[in-house]
């Protein structure tokens, strides 16, 4: 039957476009349980400045997940074999949960997501495509290094989030665990270590993104 036909590259392109529209326009629905569900029945005691700071930090985290989604969609689209495509698609699926959690938390805190989401998505998609064109081992290495740096970034946010904001902290902690798992998978699949200048350039780009997204 026609329903059993093999997925084509055009199908993957259409799926990537649909993802872009969903990410830029709103956020995918979370497929996994809310990591902070057990805490949501408790009353929050955040002050006004604490809510503002938490919203800004979670906006930064939302932008990070927008970028991760774009990276992995591009890497999956241009992967050279089905196994590599599946690795990136699985990571993208988990990042879509992060998108839902972070956007929901930003809005619950009375904040807004970045005005520059389309720019973040487009730039990250281009970077993911370039990494893929360099070969699967480089693409996987890029994934591993991205997740390592994101894990460090999330660890710093656990230090910066107000102590009373247990909901945001629970979300960030689960994200941190997921990012570590993605990095481990990328290394196990043959991801190669990136040169020091590339790692530094990634760190600088990440710093620009997080600083800008904190305010815009």
C-alpha atoms as a PDB file:
ATOM      1  CA  UNK A   1       0.000   0.000   0.000  1.00  0.00           C
ATOM      2  CA  UNK A   2       1.022   3.601  -0.555  1.00  0.00           C
ATOM      3  CA  UNK A   3       1.044   4.219   3.221  1.00  0.00           C
ATOM      4  CA  UNK A   4       3.973   1.815   3.468  1.00  0.00           C
ATOM      5  CA  UNK A   5       6.219   3.778   1.109  1.00  0.00           C
ATOM      6  CA  UNK A   6       9.677   4.732   2.340  1.00  0.00           C
ATOM      7  CA  UNK A   7      10.140   8.169   3.841  1.00  0.00           C
ATOM      8  CA  UNK A   8      11.765  10.485   1.311  1.00  0.00           C
ATOM      9  CA  UNK A   9      14.109  13.428   1.733  1.00  0.00           C
ATOM     10  CA  UNK A  10      11.194  15.681   0.793  1.00  0.00           C
ATOM     11  CA  UNK A  11       9.242  14.220   3.737  1.00  0.00           C
ATOM     12  CA  UNK A  12      12.131  15.128   6.046  1.00  0.00           C
ATOM     13  CA  UNK A  13      12.259  18.662   4.612  1.00  0.00           C
ATOM     14  CA  UNK A  14       8.528  19.122   5.178  1.00  0.00           C
ATOM     15  CA  UNK A  15       8.843  17.806   8.751  1.00  0.00           C
ATOM     16  CA  UNK A  16      11.710  20.249   9.431  1.00  0.00           C
ATOM     17  CA  UNK A  17       9.611  23.127   8.092  1.00  0.00           C
ATOM     18  CA  UNK A  18       6.689  22.109  10.285  1.00  0.00           C
ATOM     19  CA  UNK A  19       8.993  22.032  13.296  1.00  0.00           C
ATOM     20  CA  UNK A  20      10.305  25.507  12.495  1.00  0.00           C
ATOM     21  CA  UNK A  21       6.779  26.895  12.253  1.00  0.00           C
ATOM     22  CA  UNK A  22       5.782  25.276  15.559  1.00  0.00           C
ATOM     23  CA  UNK A  23       8.898  26.384  17.433  1.00  0.00           C
ATOM     24  CA  UNK A  24       8.787  29.961  16.148  1.00  0.00           C
ATOM     25  CA  UNK A  25       5.034  30.344  16.413  1.00  0.00           C
ATOM     26  CA  UNK A  26       4.455  28.775  19.815  1.00  0.00           C
ATOM     27  CA  UNK A  27       5.968  25.600  21.270  1.00  0.00           C
ATOM     28  CA  UNK A  28       5.524  21.852  20.801  1.00  0.00           C
ATOM     29  CA  UNK A  29       3.437  20.086  23.407  1.00  0.00           C
ATOM     30  CA  UNK A  30       5.447  18.153  25.971  1.00  0.00           C
ATOM     31  CA  UNK A  31       5.351  14.389  25.517  1.00  0.00           C
ATOM     32  CA  UNK A  32       6.782  13.669  28.969  1.00  0.00           C
ATOM     33  CA  UNK A  33       5.362  14.527  32.389  1.00  0.00           C
ATOM     34  CA  UNK A  34       6.077  17.979  33.775  1.00  0.00           C
ATOM     35  CA  UNK A  35       9.150  17.566  36.040  1.00  0.00           C
ATOM     36  CA  UNK A  36       7.737  20.183  38.412  1.00  0.00           C
ATOM     37  CA  UNK A  37       4.187  18.785  38.545  1.00  0.00           C
ATOM     38  CA  UNK A  38       4.454  17.763  42.202  1.00  0.00           C
ATOM     39  CA  UNK A  39       5.381  21.330  43.174  1.00  0.00           C
ATOM     40  CA  UNK A  40       2.673  23.225  41.324  1.00  0.00           C
ATOM     41  CA  UNK A  41       0.056  22.836  44.034  1.00  0.00           C
ATOM     42  CA  UNK A  42       2.230  24.759  46.481  1.00  0.00           C
ATOM     43  CA  UNK A  43       1.920  28.530  46.805  1.00  0.00           C
ATOM     44  CA  UNK A  44       4.958  30.442  45.569  1.00  0.00           C
ATOM     45  CA  UNK A  45       6.580  33.084  47.728  1.00  0.00           C
ATOM     46  CA  UNK A  46       8.689  34.825  45.085  1.00  0.00           C
ATOM     47  CA  UNK A  47       9.169  38.572  45.407  1.00  0.00           C
ATOM     48  CA  UNK A  48       8.702  40.827  42.392  1.00  0.00           C
ATOM     49  CA  UNK A  49      12.444  41.062  41.630  1.00  0.00           C
ATOM     50  CA  UNK A  50      12.801  37.284  42.059  1.00  0.00           C
ATOM     51  CA  UNK A  51      10.009  36.631  39.564  1.00  0.00           C
ATOM     52  CA  UNK A  52      11.622  39.019  37.099  1.00  0.00           C
ATOM     53  CA  UNK A  53      15.013  37.335  37.426  1.00  0.00           C
ATOM     54  CA  UNK A  54      13.566  33.823  37.172  1.00  0.00           C
ATOM     55  CA  UNK A  55      11.599  34.804  34.072  1.00  0.00           C
ATOM     56  CA  UNK A  56      14.743  36.249  32.456  1.00  0.00           C
ATOM     57  CA  UNK A  57      16.782  33.122  33.210  1.00  0.00           C
ATOM     58  CA  UNK A  58      14.062  30.824  31.921  1.00  0.00           C
ATOM     59  CA  UNK A  59      13.753  32.991  28.797  1.00  0.00           C
ATOM     60  CA  UNK A  60      17.463  32.378  28.204  1.00  0.00           C
ATOM     61  CA  UNK A  61      16.889  28.654  28.679  1.00  0.00           C
ATOM     62  CA  UNK A  62      13.981  28.744  26.248  1.00  0.00           C
ATOM     63  CA  UNK A  63      16.208  30.371  23.615  1.00  0.00           C
ATOM     64  CA  UNK A  64      18.831  27.683  24.240  1.00  0.00           C
ATOM     65  CA  UNK A  65      16.206  25.043  23.524  1.00  0.00           C
ATOM     66  CA  UNK A  66      15.076  26.858  20.371  1.00  0.00           C
ATOM     67  CA  UNK A  67      18.685  26.730  19.174  1.00  0.00           C
ATOM     68  CA  UNK A  68      19.075  23.075  20.130  1.00  0.00           C
ATOM     69  CA  UNK A  69      15.877  22.185  18.285  1.00  0.00           C
ATOM     70  CA  UNK A  70      17.118  23.978  15.157  1.00  0.00           C
ATOM     71  CA  UNK A  71      20.564  22.382  15.369  1.00  0.00           C
ATOM     72  CA  UNK A  72      19.236  18.853  15.651  1.00  0.00           C
ATOM     73  CA  UNK A  73      16.579  19.323  12.983  1.00  0.00           C
ATOM     74  CA  UNK A  74      19.290  20.456  10.555  1.00  0.00           C
ATOM     75  CA  UNK A  75      21.651  17.664  11.584  1.00  0.00           C
ATOM     76  CA  UNK A  76      18.913  15.042  11.219  1.00  0.00           C
ATOM     77  CA  UNK A  77      17.898  16.418   7.829  1.00  0.00           C
ATOM     78  CA  UNK A  78      21.451  16.194   6.459  1.00  0.00           C
ATOM     79  CA  UNK A  79      22.635  13.054   8.280  1.00  0.00           C
ATOM     80  CA  UNK A  80      24.271  10.541   5.958  1.00  0.00           C
ATOM     81  CA  UNK A  81      22.509   7.436   7.248  1.00  0.00           C
ATOM     82  CA  UNK A  82      19.323   6.438   9.029  1.00  0.00           C
ATOM     83  CA  UNK A  83      21.020   5.560  12.341  1.00  0.00           C
ATOM     84  CA  UNK A  84      22.575   9.024  12.649  1.00  0.00           C
ATOM     85  CA  UNK A  85      19.273  10.631  11.704  1.00  0.00           C
ATOM     86  CA  UNK A  86      17.560   8.726  14.502  1.00  0.00           C
ATOM     87  CA  UNK A  87      20.121   9.944  17.063  1.00  0.00           C
ATOM     88  CA  UNK A  88      19.448  13.575  16.168  1.00  0.00           C
ATOM     89  CA  UNK A  89      15.691  13.091  15.932  1.00  0.00           C
ATOM     90  CA  UNK A  90      15.569  11.547  19.398  1.00  0.00           C
ATOM     91  CA  UNK A  91      17.543  14.457  20.833  1.00  0.00           C
ATOM     92  CA  UNK A  92      15.254  16.931  19.060  1.00  0.00           C
ATOM     93  CA  UNK A  93      12.191  15.190  20.505  1.00  0.00           C
ATOM     94  CA  UNK A  94      13.496  15.582  24.055  1.00  0.00           C
ATOM     95  CA  UNK A  95      14.485  19.184  23.389  1.00  0.00           C
ATOM     96  CA  UNK A  96      10.884  19.842  22.299  1.00  0.00           C
ATOM     97  CA  UNK A  97       9.804  18.864  25.821  1.00  0.00           C
ATOM     98  CA  UNK A  98      12.266  21.425  27.173  1.00  0.00           C
ATOM     99  CA  UNK A  99      10.738  24.040  24.870  1.00  0.00           C
ATOM    100  CA  UNK A 100       7.286  23.396  26.301  1.00  0.00           C
ATOM    101  CA  UNK A 101       8.512  23.436  29.902  1.00  0.00           C
ATOM    102  CA  UNK A 102      10.589  26.606  29.610  1.00  0.00           C
ATOM    103  CA  UNK A 103       8.015  28.579  27.649  1.00  0.00           C
ATOM    104  CA  UNK A 104       5.294  27.569  30.064  1.00  0.00           C
ATOM    105  CA  UNK A 105       7.415  28.626  33.021  1.00  0.00           C
ATOM    106  CA  UNK A 106       8.344  31.979  31.493  1.00  0.00           C
ATOM    107  CA  UNK A 107       4.668  32.738  30.930  1.00  0.00           C
ATOM    108  CA  UNK A 108       3.669  31.516  34.407  1.00  0.00           C
ATOM    109  CA  UNK A 109       6.187  33.970  35.871  1.00  0.00           C
ATOM    110  CA  UNK A 110       4.588  36.810  33.931  1.00  0.00           C
ATOM    111  CA  UNK A 111       7.440  37.078  31.446  1.00  0.00           C
ATOM    112  CA  UNK A 112       7.768  36.685  27.693  1.00  0.00           C
ATOM    113  CA  UNK A 113       9.973  34.679  25.370  1.00  0.00           C
ATOM    114  CA  UNK A 114      12.688  36.382  23.330  1.00  0.00           C
ATOM    115  CA  UNK A 115      11.628  38.697  20.509  1.00  0.00           C
ATOM    116  CA  UNK A 116      14.452  37.196  18.446  1.00  0.00           C
ATOM    117  CA  UNK A 117      13.265  33.569  18.342  1.00  0.00           C
ATOM    118  CA  UNK A 118      13.138  33.468  14.496  1.00  0.00           C
ATOM    119  CA  UNK A 119      16.712  34.771  14.356  1.00  0.00           C
ATOM    120  CA  UNK A 120      17.946  32.243  16.925  1.00  0.00           C
ATOM    121  CA  UNK A 121      16.263  29.379  15.085  1.00  0.00           C
ATOM    122  CA  UNK A 122      17.539  30.386  11.657  1.00  0.00           C
ATOM    123  CA  UNK A 123      21.110  30.932  12.828  1.00  0.00           C
ATOM    124  CA  UNK A 124      21.254  27.650  14.734  1.00  0.00           C
ATOM    125  CA  UNK A 125      19.755  25.750  11.795  1.00  0.00           C
ATOM    126  CA  UNK A 126      22.493  27.108   9.525  1.00  0.00           C
ATOM    127  CA  UNK A 127      25.189  26.099  12.032  1.00  0.00           C
ATOM    128  CA  UNK A 128      23.711  22.599  12.333  1.00  0.00           C
ATOM    129  CA  UNK A 129      23.704  22.263   8.553  1.00  0.00           C
ATOM    130  CA  UNK A 130      27.373  23.287   8.351  1.00  0.00           C
ATOM    131  CA  UNK A 131      28.284  20.756  11.056  1.00  0.00           C
ATOM    132  CA  UNK A 132      26.475  18.024   9.134  1.00  0.00           C
ATOM    133  CA  UNK A 133      28.235  18.860   5.887  1.00  0.00           C
ATOM    134  CA  UNK A 134      31.554  18.246   7.660  1.00  0.00           C
ATOM    135  CA  UNK A 135      30.575  14.585   8.225  1.00  0.00           C
ATOM    136  CA  UNK A 136      28.681  12.543  10.792  1.00  0.00           C
ATOM    137  CA  UNK A 137      31.596  12.192  13.236  1.00  0.00           C
ATOM    138  CA  UNK A 138      32.064  15.977  13.276  1.00  0.00           C
ATOM    139  CA  UNK A 139      28.311  16.509  13.531  1.00  0.00           C
ATOM    140  CA  UNK A 140      28.139  14.153  16.505  1.00  0.00           C
ATOM    141  CA  UNK A 141      31.160  15.863  18.042  1.00  0.00           C
ATOM    142  CA  UNK A 142      29.383  19.189  17.659  1.00  0.00           C
ATOM    143  CA  UNK A 143      26.364  17.710  19.427  1.00  0.00           C
ATOM    144  CA  UNK A 144      28.502  16.417  22.285  1.00  0.00           C
ATOM    145  CA  UNK A 145      30.296  19.750  22.755  1.00  0.00           C
ATOM    146  CA  UNK A 146      27.045  21.729  22.499  1.00  0.00           C
ATOM    147  CA  UNK A 147      25.454  19.619  25.205  1.00  0.00           C
ATOM    148  CA  UNK A 148      28.529  19.820  27.422  1.00  0.00           C
ATOM    149  CA  UNK A 149      28.455  23.602  27.272  1.00  0.00           C
ATOM    150  CA  UNK A 150      24.695  23.704  27.802  1.00  0.00           C
ATOM    151  CA  UNK A 151      25.040  21.447  30.830  1.00  0.00           C
ATOM    152  CA  UNK A 152      27.591  23.885  32.304  1.00  0.00           C
ATOM    153  CA  UNK A 153      25.241  26.763  31.563  1.00  0.00           C
ATOM    154  CA  UNK A 154      22.294  25.043  33.265  1.00  0.00           C
ATOM    155  CA  UNK A 155      24.454  24.277  36.284  1.00  0.00           C
ATOM    156  CA  UNK A 156      25.184  28.004  36.605  1.00  0.00           C
ATOM    157  CA  UNK A 157      21.454  28.738  36.441  1.00  0.00           C
ATOM    158  CA  UNK A 158      20.810  26.377  39.332  1.00  0.00           C
ATOM    159  CA  UNK A 159      23.119  28.654  41.323  1.00  0.00           C
ATOM    160  CA  UNK A 160      21.476  31.851  40.040  1.00  0.00           C
ATOM    161  CA  UNK A 161      17.785  30.976  40.296  1.00  0.00           C
ATOM    162  CA  UNK A 162      16.122  32.244  43.496  1.00  0.00           C
ATOM    163  CA  UNK A 163      16.097  29.561  46.176  1.00  0.00           C
ATOM    164  CA  UNK A 164      12.314  29.918  46.493  1.00  0.00           C
ATOM    165  CA  UNK A 165      11.748  29.131  42.807  1.00  0.00           C
ATOM    166  CA  UNK A 166      11.567  25.381  43.183  1.00  0.00           C
ATOM    167  CA  UNK A 167       9.481  24.928  40.014  1.00  0.00           C
ATOM    168  CA  UNK A 168      12.090  26.488  37.724  1.00  0.00           C
ATOM    169  CA  UNK A 169      14.834  24.599  39.505  1.00  0.00           C
ATOM    170  CA  UNK A 170      13.071  21.261  38.969  1.00  0.00           C
ATOM    171  CA  UNK A 171      12.697  22.004  35.251  1.00  0.00           C
ATOM    172  CA  UNK A 172      16.334  23.033  34.864  1.00  0.00           C
ATOM    173  CA  UNK A 173      17.540  19.963  36.763  1.00  0.00           C
ATOM    174  CA  UNK A 174      15.669  17.611  34.418  1.00  0.00           C
ATOM    175  CA  UNK A 175      16.966  19.511  31.404  1.00  0.00           C
ATOM    176  CA  UNK A 176      20.499  19.174  32.726  1.00  0.00           C
ATOM    177  CA  UNK A 177      20.096  15.401  33.044  1.00  0.00           C
ATOM    178  CA  UNK A 178      18.769  15.153  29.497  1.00  0.00           C
ATOM    179  CA  UNK A 179      21.622  17.234  28.055  1.00  0.00           C
ATOM    180  CA  UNK A 180      24.189  15.001  29.737  1.00  0.00           C
ATOM    181  CA  UNK A 181      22.477  11.998  28.180  1.00  0.00           C
ATOM    182  CA  UNK A 182      22.590  13.568  24.709  1.00  0.00           C
ATOM    183  CA  UNK A 183      26.302  14.298  25.053  1.00  0.00           C
ATOM    184  CA  UNK A 184      26.980  10.731  26.188  1.00  0.00           C
ATOM    185  CA  UNK A 185      25.017   9.311  23.245  1.00  0.00           C
ATOM    186  CA  UNK A 186      26.895  11.490  20.763  1.00  0.00           C
ATOM    187  CA  UNK A 187      30.255  10.313  22.098  1.00  0.00           C
ATOM    188  CA  UNK A 188      29.163   6.653  22.089  1.00  0.00           C
ATOM    189  CA  UNK A 189      28.055   6.991  18.465  1.00  0.00           C
ATOM    190  CA  UNK A 190      31.515   8.154  17.416  1.00  0.00           C
ATOM    191  CA  UNK A 191      31.490  11.899  17.890  1.00  0.00           C
ATOM    192  CA  UNK A 192      35.004  13.301  17.605  1.00  0.00           C
ATOM    193  CA  UNK A 193      36.494  15.995  19.826  1.00  0.00           C
ATOM    194  CA  UNK A 194      36.331  19.403  18.200  1.00  0.00           C
ATOM    195  CA  UNK A 195      39.435  21.608  17.872  1.00  0.00           C
ATOM    196  CA  UNK A 196      40.014  24.130  20.655  1.00  0.00           C
ATOM    197  CA  UNK A 197      39.287  27.200  18.439  1.00  0.00           C
ATOM    198  CA  UNK A 198      35.917  25.733  17.467  1.00  0.00           C
ATOM    199  CA  UNK A 199      35.020  25.039  21.093  1.00  0.00           C
ATOM    200  CA  UNK A 200      35.987  28.588  22.035  1.00  0.00           C
ATOM    201  CA  UNK A 201      33.958  30.033  19.168  1.00  0.00           C
ATOM    202  CA  UNK A 202      30.952  28.028  20.334  1.00  0.00           C
ATOM    203  CA  UNK A 203      31.439  29.306  23.877  1.00  0.00           C
ATOM    204  CA  UNK A 204      31.638  32.910  22.657  1.00  0.00           C
ATOM    205  CA  UNK A 205      28.503  32.508  20.530  1.00  0.00           C
ATOM    206  CA  UNK A 206      26.716  31.011  23.507  1.00  0.00           C
ATOM    207  CA  UNK A 207      27.724  33.941  25.692  1.00  0.00           C
ATOM    208  CA  UNK A 208      26.367  36.421  23.141  1.00  0.00           C
ATOM    209  CA  UNK A 209      23.110  34.504  22.932  1.00  0.00           C
ATOM    210  CA  UNK A 210      22.573  34.185  26.679  1.00  0.00           C
ATOM    211  CA  UNK A 211      23.442  37.836  27.349  1.00  0.00           C
ATOM    212  CA  UNK A 212      21.120  39.099  24.616  1.00  0.00           C
ATOM    213  CA  UNK A 213      18.229  36.767  25.443  1.00  0.00           C
ATOM    214  CA  UNK A 214      18.325  37.811  29.098  1.00  0.00           C
ATOM    215  CA  UNK A 215      16.915  41.170  28.046  1.00  0.00           C
ATOM    216  CA  UNK A 216      15.493  40.885  24.509  1.00  0.00           C
END
